Amino acid sequence: MSTASNSYHHGNLRETLINATITQLAQQRDVTISLRELARSVGVSLAAIYRHFPSKEALLAEVAAAGFAALRRKWDEELPPLGSLPAAERFQLQGQQYIEFALAAPAHYRLMFEHQDVRQFPVLLEAAHACFAYVLQTAGAAVREAGVDMRWQRAAASAGWSLGHGYVMLMLSGRLDMIDGGNELSPALVPRFFQLPAEALQRQEQQP
């Protein structure tokens, strides 16, 4: 009996299918997944998949959620603890790690953000919110360190995420490489644009 079949009979098929999908995504750049081929790769029937997931989209939601969890683990393992370096530098480093994660797993990353409405899948919605909460905490520390009103915490987190995501999508599409002279914006350089001078935010607060 195959390892996959053993896993199935021991009740581990759900996790096996998620991991097998992640492995398949790592070998391609798009998010196309065939359940029939997936079933064949783990040595089970197509019906066995549907006993664990009501639909293909439900399986992909779990896989996307696993991507957000993996990103958080990367930050847990690689991001220096709070107070170990200036908060602004820590925020920038988090952005660099985000971009590195995305470019290392382009298909999985695309799935994380191109899946259907996340509100339909609580597991994915919760994973995405937990990831943003991590960014929010890091951005908040940078805002506090800059002496700016904490109401800018969420805006700073959203701006940082938007900049990182936009860069990743442009890189994956090859658009930045089409620029005359080539792409001179490295993953390490992008997050340096996360930080706005405190004076700029203060002027914004003074506007009617």
N, C-alpha and C. Protein backbone atom coordinates (compact mmCIF):
# COMPACT_ATOMS: atom_id res chain seq x y z
N MET A 1 0.85 -1.20 0.00
CA MET A 1 0.00 0.00 0.00
C MET A 1 0.87 1.24 0.00
N SER A 2 0.50 2.26 -0.78
CA SER A 2 1.31 3.47 -0.90
C SER A 2 1.26 4.28 0.38
N THR A 3 2.25 5.21 0.51
CA THR A 3 2.27 6.11 1.67
C THR A 3 1.03 6.97 1.70
N ALA A 4 0.60 7.45 0.51
CA ALA A 4 -0.59 8.28 0.46
C ALA A 4 -1.82 7.52 0.95
N SER A 5 -1.93 6.25 0.52
CA SER A 5 -3.06 5.45 0.95
C SER A 5 -3.03 5.22 2.44
N ASN A 6 -1.83 4.96 2.98
CA ASN A 6 -1.70 4.81 4.42
C ASN A 6 -2.15 6.06 5.14
N SER A 7 -1.74 7.23 4.61
CA SER A 7 -2.13 8.49 5.22
C SER A 7 -3.65 8.62 5.20
N TYR A 8 -4.25 8.19 4.08
CA TYR A 8 -5.69 8.31 3.96
C TYR A 8 -6.40 7.45 5.00
N HIS A 9 -5.96 6.20 5.12
CA HIS A 9 -6.62 5.29 6.04
C HIS A 9 -6.37 5.66 7.49
N HIS A 10 -5.35 6.46 7.76
CA HIS A 10 -5.09 6.91 9.11
C HIS A 10 -5.71 8.29 9.37
N GLY A 11 -6.52 8.75 8.42
CA GLY A 11 -7.23 10.00 8.64
C GLY A 11 -6.45 11.25 8.33
N ASN A 12 -5.33 11.13 7.61
CA ASN A 12 -4.49 12.29 7.32
C ASN A 12 -4.62 12.77 5.88
N LEU A 13 -5.60 12.29 5.17
CA LEU A 13 -5.70 12.66 3.76
C LEU A 13 -5.91 14.16 3.57
N ARG A 14 -6.66 14.77 4.46
CA ARG A 14 -6.91 16.21 4.35
C ARG A 14 -5.59 16.99 4.30
N GLU A 15 -4.71 16.72 5.26
CA GLU A 15 -3.42 17.41 5.29
C GLU A 15 -2.56 17.01 4.11
N THR A 16 -2.64 15.73 3.72
CA THR A 16 -1.85 15.25 2.59
C THR A 16 -2.24 15.99 1.31
N LEU A 17 -3.53 16.20 1.11
CA LEU A 17 -4.00 16.89 -0.09
C LEU A 17 -3.56 18.35 -0.10
N ILE A 18 -3.62 19.00 1.05
CA ILE A 18 -3.17 20.39 1.14
C ILE A 18 -1.69 20.49 0.80
N ASN A 19 -0.89 19.60 1.40
CA ASN A 19 0.55 19.64 1.16
C ASN A 19 0.89 19.28 -0.29
N ALA A 20 0.14 18.33 -0.85
CA ALA A 20 0.39 17.94 -2.24
C ALA A 20 0.06 19.09 -3.19
N THR A 21 -0.98 19.84 -2.88
CA THR A 21 -1.33 20.99 -3.71
C THR A 21 -0.26 22.07 -3.62
N ILE A 22 0.25 22.29 -2.41
CA ILE A 22 1.33 23.27 -2.24
C ILE A 22 2.56 22.85 -3.03
N THR A 23 2.86 21.56 -2.99
CA THR A 23 4.01 21.04 -3.75
C THR A 23 3.81 21.24 -5.25
N GLN A 24 2.60 21.00 -5.71
CA GLN A 24 2.33 21.18 -7.14
C GLN A 24 2.45 22.65 -7.53
N LEU A 25 1.94 23.54 -6.68
CA LEU A 25 2.03 24.97 -6.97
C LEU A 25 3.49 25.44 -7.03
N ALA A 26 4.34 24.82 -6.24
CA ALA A 26 5.75 25.20 -6.21
C ALA A 26 6.45 24.87 -7.52
N GLN A 27 5.84 24.02 -8.32
CA GLN A 27 6.45 23.60 -9.58
C GLN A 27 5.90 24.34 -10.79
N GLN A 28 5.02 25.33 -10.54
CA GLN A 28 4.41 26.06 -11.64
C GLN A 28 4.24 27.52 -11.26
N ARG A 29 3.89 28.35 -12.23
CA ARG A 29 3.74 29.78 -11.99
C ARG A 29 2.28 30.22 -11.98
N ASP A 30 1.37 29.35 -12.45
CA ASP A 30 -0.05 29.70 -12.41
C ASP A 30 -0.73 28.89 -11.30
N VAL A 31 -2.02 29.15 -11.12
CA VAL A 31 -2.74 28.51 -10.01
C VAL A 31 -3.69 27.43 -10.50
N THR A 32 -3.47 26.93 -11.70
CA THR A 32 -4.32 25.88 -12.25
C THR A 32 -4.05 24.56 -11.53
N ILE A 33 -5.11 23.99 -10.97
CA ILE A 33 -5.00 22.73 -10.25
C ILE A 33 -6.09 21.79 -10.76
N SER A 34 -5.71 20.54 -11.09
CA SER A 34 -6.67 19.52 -11.50
C SER A 34 -6.86 18.56 -10.32
N LEU A 35 -8.09 18.46 -9.83
CA LEU A 35 -8.35 17.53 -8.72
C LEU A 35 -8.10 16.09 -9.13
N ARG A 36 -8.41 15.77 -10.37
CA ARG A 36 -8.18 14.40 -10.84
C ARG A 36 -6.69 14.06 -10.81
N GLU A 37 -5.87 15.00 -11.28
CA GLU A 37 -4.43 14.77 -11.25
C GLU A 37 -3.90 14.77 -9.81
N LEU A 38 -4.48 15.62 -8.97
CA LEU A 38 -4.07 15.65 -7.56
C LEU A 38 -4.38 14.32 -6.89
N ALA A 39 -5.57 13.79 -7.15
CA ALA A 39 -5.95 12.49 -6.57
C ALA A 39 -4.99 11.40 -7.03
N ARG A 40 -4.64 11.43 -8.30
CA ARG A 40 -3.72 10.44 -8.83
C ARG A 40 -2.34 10.56 -8.18
N SER A 41 -1.91 11.79 -7.91
CA SER A 41 -0.57 12.00 -7.35
C SER A 41 -0.45 11.48 -5.92
N VAL A 42 -1.55 11.48 -5.18
CA VAL A 42 -1.49 11.00 -3.79
C VAL A 42 -2.04 9.58 -3.65
N GLY A 43 -2.48 9.00 -4.76
CA GLY A 43 -2.91 7.60 -4.75
C GLY A 43 -4.28 7.35 -4.18
N VAL A 44 -5.22 8.28 -4.38
CA VAL A 44 -6.59 8.08 -3.90
C VAL A 44 -7.56 8.39 -5.03
N SER A 45 -8.83 8.10 -4.79
CA SER A 45 -9.84 8.38 -5.80
C SER A 45 -10.28 9.83 -5.71
N LEU A 46 -10.91 10.30 -6.77
CA LEU A 46 -11.45 11.66 -6.78
C LEU A 46 -12.53 11.80 -5.71
N ALA A 47 -13.30 10.75 -5.53
CA ALA A 47 -14.36 10.77 -4.52
C ALA A 47 -13.78 10.96 -3.12
N ALA A 48 -12.58 10.44 -2.89
CA ALA A 48 -11.95 10.57 -1.57
C ALA A 48 -11.66 12.04 -1.25
N ILE A 49 -11.31 12.79 -2.26
CA ILE A 49 -11.06 14.23 -2.05
C ILE A 49 -12.34 14.91 -1.60
N TYR A 50 -13.43 14.59 -2.27
CA TYR A 50 -14.70 15.25 -1.95
C TYR A 50 -15.27 14.83 -0.60
N ARG A 51 -14.73 13.76 -0.03
CA ARG A 51 -15.14 13.40 1.33
C ARG A 51 -14.51 14.34 2.36
N HIS A 52 -13.44 15.03 1.97
CA HIS A 52 -12.76 15.94 2.87
C HIS A 52 -13.00 17.41 2.52
N PHE A 53 -13.27 17.68 1.24
CA PHE A 53 -13.51 19.05 0.80
C PHE A 53 -14.76 19.06 -0.07
N PRO A 54 -15.73 19.92 0.24
CA PRO A 54 -16.97 19.94 -0.53
C PRO A 54 -16.79 20.42 -1.97
N SER A 55 -15.71 21.11 -2.24
CA SER A 55 -15.47 21.63 -3.58
C SER A 55 -13.98 21.88 -3.78
N LYS A 56 -13.61 22.09 -5.03
CA LYS A 56 -12.23 22.45 -5.34
C LYS A 56 -11.87 23.77 -4.70
N GLU A 57 -12.82 24.71 -4.71
CA GLU A 57 -12.55 26.02 -4.12
C GLU A 57 -12.32 25.93 -2.62
N ALA A 58 -12.99 25.01 -1.96
CA ALA A 58 -12.77 24.82 -0.52
C ALA A 58 -11.36 24.32 -0.24
N LEU A 59 -10.88 23.39 -1.07
CA LEU A 59 -9.51 22.91 -0.92
C LEU A 59 -8.52 24.04 -1.16
N LEU A 60 -8.73 24.81 -2.22
CA LEU A 60 -7.81 25.91 -2.53
C LEU A 60 -7.83 26.99 -1.45
N ALA A 61 -8.97 27.17 -0.80
CA ALA A 61 -9.04 28.13 0.31
C ALA A 61 -8.14 27.69 1.45
N GLU A 62 -8.14 26.39 1.73
CA GLU A 62 -7.26 25.85 2.78
C GLU A 62 -5.79 26.02 2.39
N VAL A 63 -5.49 25.81 1.12
CA VAL A 63 -4.12 25.96 0.64
C VAL A 63 -3.69 27.43 0.72
N ALA A 64 -4.59 28.33 0.35
CA ALA A 64 -4.29 29.76 0.45
C ALA A 64 -4.07 30.16 1.90
N ALA A 65 -4.91 29.64 2.80
CA ALA A 65 -4.75 29.93 4.22
C ALA A 65 -3.41 29.42 4.73
N ALA A 66 -2.99 28.27 4.24
CA ALA A 66 -1.68 27.73 4.62
C ALA A 66 -0.56 28.65 4.17
N GLY A 67 -0.76 29.35 3.05
CA GLY A 67 0.23 30.30 2.58
C GLY A 67 0.39 31.46 3.54
N PHE A 68 -0.73 32.01 4.02
CA PHE A 68 -0.66 33.10 4.99
C PHE A 68 -0.01 32.62 6.29
N ALA A 69 -0.31 31.39 6.69
CA ALA A 69 0.31 30.85 7.91
C ALA A 69 1.82 30.69 7.72
N ALA A 70 2.23 30.28 6.53
CA ALA A 70 3.66 30.12 6.25
C ALA A 70 4.37 31.46 6.27
N LEU A 71 3.71 32.50 5.77
CA LEU A 71 4.30 33.83 5.79
C LEU A 71 4.49 34.31 7.23
N ARG A 72 3.51 34.07 8.07
CA ARG A 72 3.64 34.45 9.48
C ARG A 72 4.77 33.68 10.16
N ARG A 73 4.91 32.39 9.82
CA ARG A 73 6.02 31.60 10.40
C ARG A 73 7.36 32.17 9.97
N LYS A 74 7.44 32.62 8.72
CA LYS A 74 8.69 33.21 8.23
C LYS A 74 9.04 34.42 9.07
N TRP A 75 8.04 35.26 9.34
CA TRP A 75 8.29 36.44 10.17
C TRP A 75 8.66 36.04 11.59
N ASP A 76 7.99 35.05 12.14
CA ASP A 76 8.30 34.59 13.49
C ASP A 76 9.75 34.12 13.59
N GLU A 77 10.21 33.44 12.56
CA GLU A 77 11.54 32.83 12.58
C GLU A 77 12.64 33.80 12.17
N GLU A 78 12.34 34.75 11.28
CA GLU A 78 13.39 35.57 10.70
C GLU A 78 13.37 37.04 11.10
N LEU A 79 12.21 37.52 11.56
CA LEU A 79 12.13 38.94 11.93
C LEU A 79 12.66 39.12 13.35
N PRO A 80 13.64 40.01 13.56
CA PRO A 80 14.17 40.25 14.90
C PRO A 80 13.05 40.68 15.85
N PRO A 81 13.15 40.34 17.12
CA PRO A 81 12.09 40.70 18.07
C PRO A 81 11.97 42.21 18.25
N LEU A 82 10.81 42.63 18.72
CA LEU A 82 10.56 44.04 18.98
C LEU A 82 11.62 44.60 19.93
N GLY A 83 12.12 45.78 19.61
CA GLY A 83 13.11 46.43 20.46
C GLY A 83 14.54 46.07 20.14
N SER A 84 14.74 45.10 19.25
CA SER A 84 16.10 44.68 18.93
C SER A 84 16.75 45.57 17.88
N LEU A 85 15.97 46.38 17.18
CA LEU A 85 16.48 47.35 16.21
C LEU A 85 15.40 48.41 16.03
N PRO A 86 15.74 49.55 15.44
CA PRO A 86 14.74 50.59 15.25
C PRO A 86 13.48 50.05 14.58
N ALA A 87 12.33 50.50 15.07
CA ALA A 87 11.06 49.97 14.58
C ALA A 87 10.88 50.19 13.09
N ALA A 88 11.35 51.32 12.57
CA ALA A 88 11.21 51.59 11.14
C ALA A 88 12.02 50.58 10.32
N GLU A 89 13.21 50.24 10.80
CA GLU A 89 14.03 49.25 10.10
C GLU A 89 13.38 47.88 10.16
N ARG A 90 12.75 47.57 11.28
CA ARG A 90 12.08 46.28 11.43
C ARG A 90 10.90 46.19 10.47
N PHE A 91 10.17 47.27 10.32
CA PHE A 91 9.05 47.32 9.39
C PHE A 91 9.54 47.11 7.95
N GLN A 92 10.64 47.76 7.62
CA GLN A 92 11.21 47.61 6.28
C GLN A 92 11.69 46.18 6.05
N LEU A 93 12.30 45.58 7.06
CA LEU A 93 12.78 44.20 6.94
C LEU A 93 11.61 43.24 6.76
N GLN A 94 10.53 43.50 7.45
CA GLN A 94 9.34 42.68 7.27
C GLN A 94 8.85 42.75 5.83
N GLY A 95 8.88 43.94 5.25
CA GLY A 95 8.47 44.09 3.87
C GLY A 95 9.38 43.33 2.92
N GLN A 96 10.68 43.38 3.18
CA GLN A 96 11.62 42.64 2.34
C GLN A 96 11.35 41.14 2.41
N GLN A 97 11.08 40.63 3.61
CA GLN A 97 10.79 39.21 3.78
C GLN A 97 9.49 38.82 3.09
N TYR A 98 8.53 39.72 3.12
CA TYR A 98 7.25 39.50 2.43
C TYR A 98 7.49 39.31 0.93
N ILE A 99 8.27 40.21 0.35
CA ILE A 99 8.54 40.14 -1.08
C ILE A 99 9.32 38.88 -1.43
N GLU A 100 10.30 38.54 -0.61
CA GLU A 100 11.10 37.33 -0.84
C GLU A 100 10.21 36.09 -0.80
N PHE A 101 9.31 36.04 0.15
CA PHE A 101 8.37 34.91 0.26
C PHE A 101 7.54 34.79 -1.01
N ALA A 102 6.99 35.91 -1.47
CA ALA A 102 6.12 35.89 -2.64
C ALA A 102 6.86 35.46 -3.90
N LEU A 103 8.05 35.99 -4.10
CA LEU A 103 8.81 35.68 -5.32
C LEU A 103 9.34 34.25 -5.30
N ALA A 104 9.48 33.67 -4.12
CA ALA A 104 9.95 32.28 -4.01
C ALA A 104 8.83 31.28 -4.27
N ALA A 105 7.57 31.71 -4.13
CA ALA A 105 6.43 30.82 -4.34
C ALA A 105 5.34 31.55 -5.11
N PRO A 106 5.61 31.91 -6.36
CA PRO A 106 4.69 32.78 -7.10
C PRO A 106 3.29 32.22 -7.27
N ALA A 107 3.14 30.94 -7.58
CA ALA A 107 1.81 30.38 -7.79
C ALA A 107 1.02 30.33 -6.48
N HIS A 108 1.68 29.93 -5.42
CA HIS A 108 1.01 29.89 -4.12
C HIS A 108 0.62 31.30 -3.69
N TYR A 109 1.50 32.25 -3.93
CA TYR A 109 1.21 33.64 -3.58
C TYR A 109 0.02 34.15 -4.38
N ARG A 110 -0.01 33.87 -5.66
CA ARG A 110 -1.14 34.31 -6.48
C ARG A 110 -2.45 33.75 -5.92
N LEU A 111 -2.43 32.48 -5.53
CA LEU A 111 -3.63 31.86 -4.99
C LEU A 111 -4.09 32.57 -3.72
N MET A 112 -3.15 32.96 -2.88
CA MET A 112 -3.49 33.65 -1.64
C MET A 112 -4.31 34.90 -1.89
N PHE A 113 -4.08 35.57 -3.03
CA PHE A 113 -4.74 36.84 -3.30
C PHE A 113 -5.73 36.80 -4.45
N GLU A 114 -5.73 35.72 -5.21
CA GLU A 114 -6.63 35.65 -6.36
C GLU A 114 -7.76 34.65 -6.14
N HIS A 115 -7.81 34.04 -4.96
CA HIS A 115 -8.89 33.12 -4.66
C HIS A 115 -10.21 33.88 -4.65
N GLN A 116 -11.30 33.15 -4.72
CA GLN A 116 -12.61 33.78 -4.68
C GLN A 116 -12.81 34.54 -3.38
N ASP A 117 -13.91 35.25 -3.28
CA ASP A 117 -14.22 36.08 -2.12
C ASP A 117 -13.88 35.37 -0.81
N VAL A 118 -12.90 35.91 -0.09
CA VAL A 118 -12.42 35.24 1.13
C VAL A 118 -13.50 35.13 2.19
N ARG A 119 -14.53 35.98 2.11
CA ARG A 119 -15.59 35.94 3.11
C ARG A 119 -16.40 34.66 3.04
N GLN A 120 -16.28 33.94 1.92
CA GLN A 120 -16.98 32.67 1.78
C GLN A 120 -16.27 31.54 2.54
N PHE A 121 -15.01 31.78 2.91
CA PHE A 121 -14.21 30.74 3.53
C PHE A 121 -13.58 31.28 4.81
N PRO A 122 -14.22 31.04 5.95
CA PRO A 122 -13.73 31.59 7.23
C PRO A 122 -12.27 31.26 7.53
N VAL A 123 -11.81 30.08 7.15
CA VAL A 123 -10.43 29.71 7.45
C VAL A 123 -9.45 30.62 6.71
N LEU A 124 -9.80 31.00 5.49
CA LEU A 124 -8.93 31.89 4.70
C LEU A 124 -9.03 33.32 5.21
N LEU A 125 -10.25 33.74 5.54
CA LEU A 125 -10.44 35.09 6.05
C LEU A 125 -9.67 35.29 7.35
N GLU A 126 -9.74 34.30 8.24
CA GLU A 126 -9.03 34.38 9.51
C GLU A 126 -7.52 34.41 9.31
N ALA A 127 -7.01 33.60 8.38
CA ALA A 127 -5.57 33.56 8.12
C ALA A 127 -5.08 34.88 7.55
N ALA A 128 -5.85 35.47 6.65
CA ALA A 128 -5.47 36.74 6.05
C ALA A 128 -5.49 37.85 7.09
N HIS A 129 -6.51 37.86 7.94
CA HIS A 129 -6.60 38.87 8.99
C HIS A 129 -5.45 38.75 9.98
N ALA A 130 -5.08 37.53 10.32
CA ALA A 130 -3.98 37.31 11.26
C ALA A 130 -2.67 37.82 10.68
N CYS A 131 -2.51 37.66 9.38
CA CYS A 131 -1.29 38.13 8.71
C CYS A 131 -1.25 39.65 8.72
N PHE A 132 -2.38 40.27 8.42
CA PHE A 132 -2.41 41.73 8.42
C PHE A 132 -2.21 42.28 9.84
N ALA A 133 -2.73 41.57 10.84
CA ALA A 133 -2.54 42.00 12.22
C ALA A 133 -1.06 42.04 12.58
N TYR A 134 -0.30 41.11 12.02
CA TYR A 134 1.15 41.08 12.24
C TYR A 134 1.78 42.34 11.64
N VAL A 135 1.37 42.66 10.42
CA VAL A 135 1.89 43.87 9.76
C VAL A 135 1.46 45.11 10.53
N LEU A 136 0.23 45.11 11.02
CA LEU A 136 -0.30 46.25 11.75
C LEU A 136 0.52 46.52 13.01
N GLN A 137 0.90 45.46 13.70
CA GLN A 137 1.71 45.60 14.91
C GLN A 137 3.07 46.21 14.58
N THR A 138 3.70 45.71 13.53
CA THR A 138 5.02 46.20 13.14
C THR A 138 4.96 47.65 12.66
N ALA A 139 3.94 47.95 11.87
CA ALA A 139 3.77 49.33 11.39
C ALA A 139 3.47 50.27 12.55
N GLY A 140 2.66 49.81 13.51
CA GLY A 140 2.33 50.63 14.67
C GLY A 140 3.54 51.01 15.48
N ALA A 141 4.47 50.08 15.63
CA ALA A 141 5.69 50.37 16.36
C ALA A 141 6.50 51.45 15.65
N ALA A 142 6.51 51.39 14.31
CA ALA A 142 7.25 52.40 13.53
C ALA A 142 6.59 53.76 13.64
N VAL A 143 5.27 53.80 13.62
CA VAL A 143 4.54 55.06 13.75
C VAL A 143 4.78 55.67 15.13
N ARG A 144 4.72 54.82 16.14
CA ARG A 144 4.93 55.29 17.52
C ARG A 144 6.35 55.84 17.68
N GLU A 145 7.32 55.14 17.12
CA GLU A 145 8.71 55.57 17.21
C GLU A 145 8.92 56.92 16.53
N ALA A 146 8.17 57.17 15.46
CA ALA A 146 8.31 58.42 14.71
C ALA A 146 7.62 59.58 15.41
N GLY A 147 6.88 59.29 16.48
CA GLY A 147 6.20 60.34 17.22
C GLY A 147 4.97 60.87 16.51
N VAL A 148 4.39 60.04 15.64
CA VAL A 148 3.22 60.44 14.87
C VAL A 148 1.97 59.88 15.55
N ASP A 149 0.85 60.55 15.36
CA ASP A 149 -0.41 60.09 15.93
C ASP A 149 -0.67 58.64 15.53
N MET A 150 -1.08 57.80 16.49
CA MET A 150 -1.26 56.38 16.24
C MET A 150 -2.42 56.08 15.29
N ARG A 151 -3.20 57.08 14.97
CA ARG A 151 -4.26 56.83 14.00
C ARG A 151 -3.69 56.51 12.61
N TRP A 152 -2.39 56.76 12.43
CA TRP A 152 -1.74 56.46 11.15
C TRP A 152 -1.24 55.01 11.08
N GLN A 153 -1.43 54.27 12.15
CA GLN A 153 -0.95 52.88 12.18
C GLN A 153 -1.54 52.05 11.05
N ARG A 154 -2.85 52.06 10.92
CA ARG A 154 -3.49 51.23 9.90
C ARG A 154 -3.13 51.72 8.49
N ALA A 155 -3.06 53.01 8.31
CA ALA A 155 -2.70 53.54 6.99
C ALA A 155 -1.28 53.12 6.61
N ALA A 156 -0.37 53.17 7.59
CA ALA A 156 1.02 52.77 7.32
C ALA A 156 1.09 51.29 6.96
N ALA A 157 0.34 50.46 7.69
CA ALA A 157 0.33 49.02 7.41
C ALA A 157 -0.24 48.74 6.02
N SER A 158 -1.34 49.40 5.69
CA SER A 158 -1.97 49.21 4.38
C SER A 158 -1.07 49.70 3.25
N ALA A 159 -0.40 50.83 3.47
CA ALA A 159 0.49 51.37 2.45
C ALA A 159 1.67 50.43 2.22
N GLY A 160 2.24 49.92 3.31
CA GLY A 160 3.36 49.00 3.17
C GLY A 160 2.96 47.74 2.43
N TRP A 161 1.82 47.18 2.80
CA TRP A 161 1.35 45.95 2.15
C TRP A 161 1.05 46.22 0.67
N SER A 162 0.42 47.35 0.40
CA SER A 162 0.08 47.69 -0.98
C SER A 162 1.33 47.84 -1.85
N LEU A 163 2.33 48.50 -1.30
CA LEU A 163 3.57 48.69 -2.05
C LEU A 163 4.25 47.36 -2.32
N GLY A 164 4.33 46.51 -1.30
CA GLY A 164 4.95 45.21 -1.47
C GLY A 164 4.19 44.34 -2.46
N HIS A 165 2.86 44.31 -2.33
CA HIS A 165 2.05 43.49 -3.23
C HIS A 165 2.14 44.00 -4.67
N GLY A 166 2.08 45.30 -4.84
CA GLY A 166 2.17 45.86 -6.19
C GLY A 166 3.49 45.52 -6.85
N TYR A 167 4.57 45.62 -6.08
CA TYR A 167 5.90 45.28 -6.62
C TYR A 167 5.95 43.81 -7.03
N VAL A 168 5.44 42.94 -6.15
CA VAL A 168 5.45 41.51 -6.45
C VAL A 168 4.69 41.22 -7.74
N MET A 169 3.50 41.77 -7.88
CA MET A 169 2.69 41.49 -9.06
C MET A 169 3.35 42.02 -10.33
N LEU A 170 4.00 43.17 -10.24
CA LEU A 170 4.72 43.70 -11.40
C LEU A 170 5.91 42.81 -11.76
N MET A 171 6.58 42.30 -10.74
CA MET A 171 7.70 41.39 -10.98
C MET A 171 7.23 40.09 -11.62
N LEU A 172 6.15 39.53 -11.08
CA LEU A 172 5.66 38.25 -11.60
C LEU A 172 5.15 38.38 -13.03
N SER A 173 4.65 39.54 -13.38
CA SER A 173 4.16 39.75 -14.75
C SER A 173 5.28 40.14 -15.70
N GLY A 174 6.47 40.43 -15.17
CA GLY A 174 7.59 40.83 -16.01
C GLY A 174 7.55 42.28 -16.44
N ARG A 175 6.61 43.04 -15.89
CA ARG A 175 6.45 44.43 -16.32
C ARG A 175 7.66 45.29 -15.97
N LEU A 176 8.22 45.08 -14.79
CA LEU A 176 9.35 45.93 -14.39
C LEU A 176 10.57 45.69 -15.27
N ASP A 177 10.71 44.47 -15.77
CA ASP A 177 11.86 44.17 -16.64
C ASP A 177 11.72 44.81 -18.01
N MET A 178 10.52 45.29 -18.33
CA MET A 178 10.30 45.92 -19.63
C MET A 178 10.70 47.39 -19.64
N ILE A 179 11.00 47.93 -18.45
CA ILE A 179 11.37 49.33 -18.36
C ILE A 179 12.72 49.56 -19.03
N ASP A 180 12.83 50.65 -19.78
CA ASP A 180 14.12 50.97 -20.41
C ASP A 180 15.20 51.06 -19.35
N GLY A 181 16.28 50.35 -19.57
CA GLY A 181 17.38 50.35 -18.61
C GLY A 181 17.27 49.23 -17.60
N GLY A 182 16.16 48.49 -17.61
CA GLY A 182 16.01 47.36 -16.70
C GLY A 182 15.47 47.77 -15.34
N ASN A 183 15.18 46.78 -14.55
CA ASN A 183 14.63 47.00 -13.21
C ASN A 183 15.76 47.19 -12.20
N GLU A 184 15.82 48.35 -11.60
CA GLU A 184 16.87 48.63 -10.61
C GLU A 184 16.31 48.63 -9.19
N LEU A 185 15.07 48.19 -9.04
CA LEU A 185 14.42 48.19 -7.73
C LEU A 185 14.43 46.77 -7.18
N SER A 186 15.32 46.51 -6.24
CA SER A 186 15.46 45.17 -5.67
C SER A 186 14.46 44.97 -4.53
N PRO A 187 14.17 43.70 -4.16
CA PRO A 187 13.28 43.44 -3.02
C PRO A 187 13.74 44.11 -1.73
N ALA A 188 15.04 44.25 -1.56
CA ALA A 188 15.56 44.88 -0.34
C ALA A 188 15.37 46.39 -0.36
N LEU A 189 15.30 46.96 -1.56
CA LEU A 189 15.19 48.41 -1.68
C LEU A 189 13.74 48.89 -1.55
N VAL A 190 12.80 48.09 -2.02
CA VAL A 190 11.39 48.51 -2.02
C VAL A 190 10.91 48.98 -0.65
N PRO A 191 11.14 48.20 0.42
CA PRO A 191 10.59 48.61 1.72
C PRO A 191 11.14 49.91 2.26
N ARG A 192 12.22 50.41 1.71
CA ARG A 192 12.75 51.69 2.19
C ARG A 192 11.80 52.83 1.86
N PHE A 193 10.87 52.57 0.95
CA PHE A 193 9.88 53.59 0.60
C PHE A 193 8.64 53.49 1.49
N PHE A 194 8.64 52.57 2.45
CA PHE A 194 7.51 52.44 3.36
C PHE A 194 7.37 53.66 4.26
N GLN A 195 8.49 54.22 4.64
CA GLN A 195 8.49 55.24 5.68
C GLN A 195 8.29 56.64 5.09
N LEU A 196 7.28 57.33 5.60
CA LEU A 196 7.08 58.74 5.25
C LEU A 196 7.65 59.61 6.36
N PRO A 197 8.25 60.72 6.03
CA PRO A 197 8.73 61.63 7.08
C PRO A 197 7.57 62.05 7.98
N ALA A 198 7.85 62.15 9.26
CA ALA A 198 6.81 62.55 10.21
C ALA A 198 6.20 63.89 9.81
N GLU A 199 7.02 64.78 9.22
CA GLU A 199 6.53 66.09 8.83
C GLU A 199 5.42 65.98 7.77
N ALA A 200 5.54 65.00 6.89
CA ALA A 200 4.54 64.84 5.85
C ALA A 200 3.19 64.46 6.46
N LEU A 201 3.21 63.56 7.43
CA LEU A 201 1.97 63.16 8.08
C LEU A 201 1.40 64.29 8.92
N GLN A 202 2.28 65.03 9.55
CA GLN A 202 1.81 66.14 10.37
C GLN A 202 1.13 67.20 9.51
N ARG A 203 1.67 67.45 8.33
CA ARG A 203 1.04 68.40 7.42
C ARG A 203 -0.33 67.89 6.97
N GLN A 204 -0.43 66.57 6.78
CA GLN A 204 -1.69 65.98 6.37
C GLN A 204 -2.73 66.18 7.47
N GLU A 205 -2.31 66.04 8.72
CA GLU A 205 -3.23 66.20 9.84
C GLU A 205 -3.74 67.64 9.94
N GLN A 206 -2.94 68.58 9.47
CA GLN A 206 -3.32 69.99 9.58
C GLN A 206 -4.27 70.43 8.48
N GLN A 207 -4.40 69.59 7.45
CA GLN A 207 -5.29 69.95 6.34
C GLN A 207 -6.75 69.82 6.76
N PRO A 208 -7.63 70.70 6.28
CA PRO A 208 -9.04 70.65 6.66
C PRO A 208 -9.72 69.38 6.11
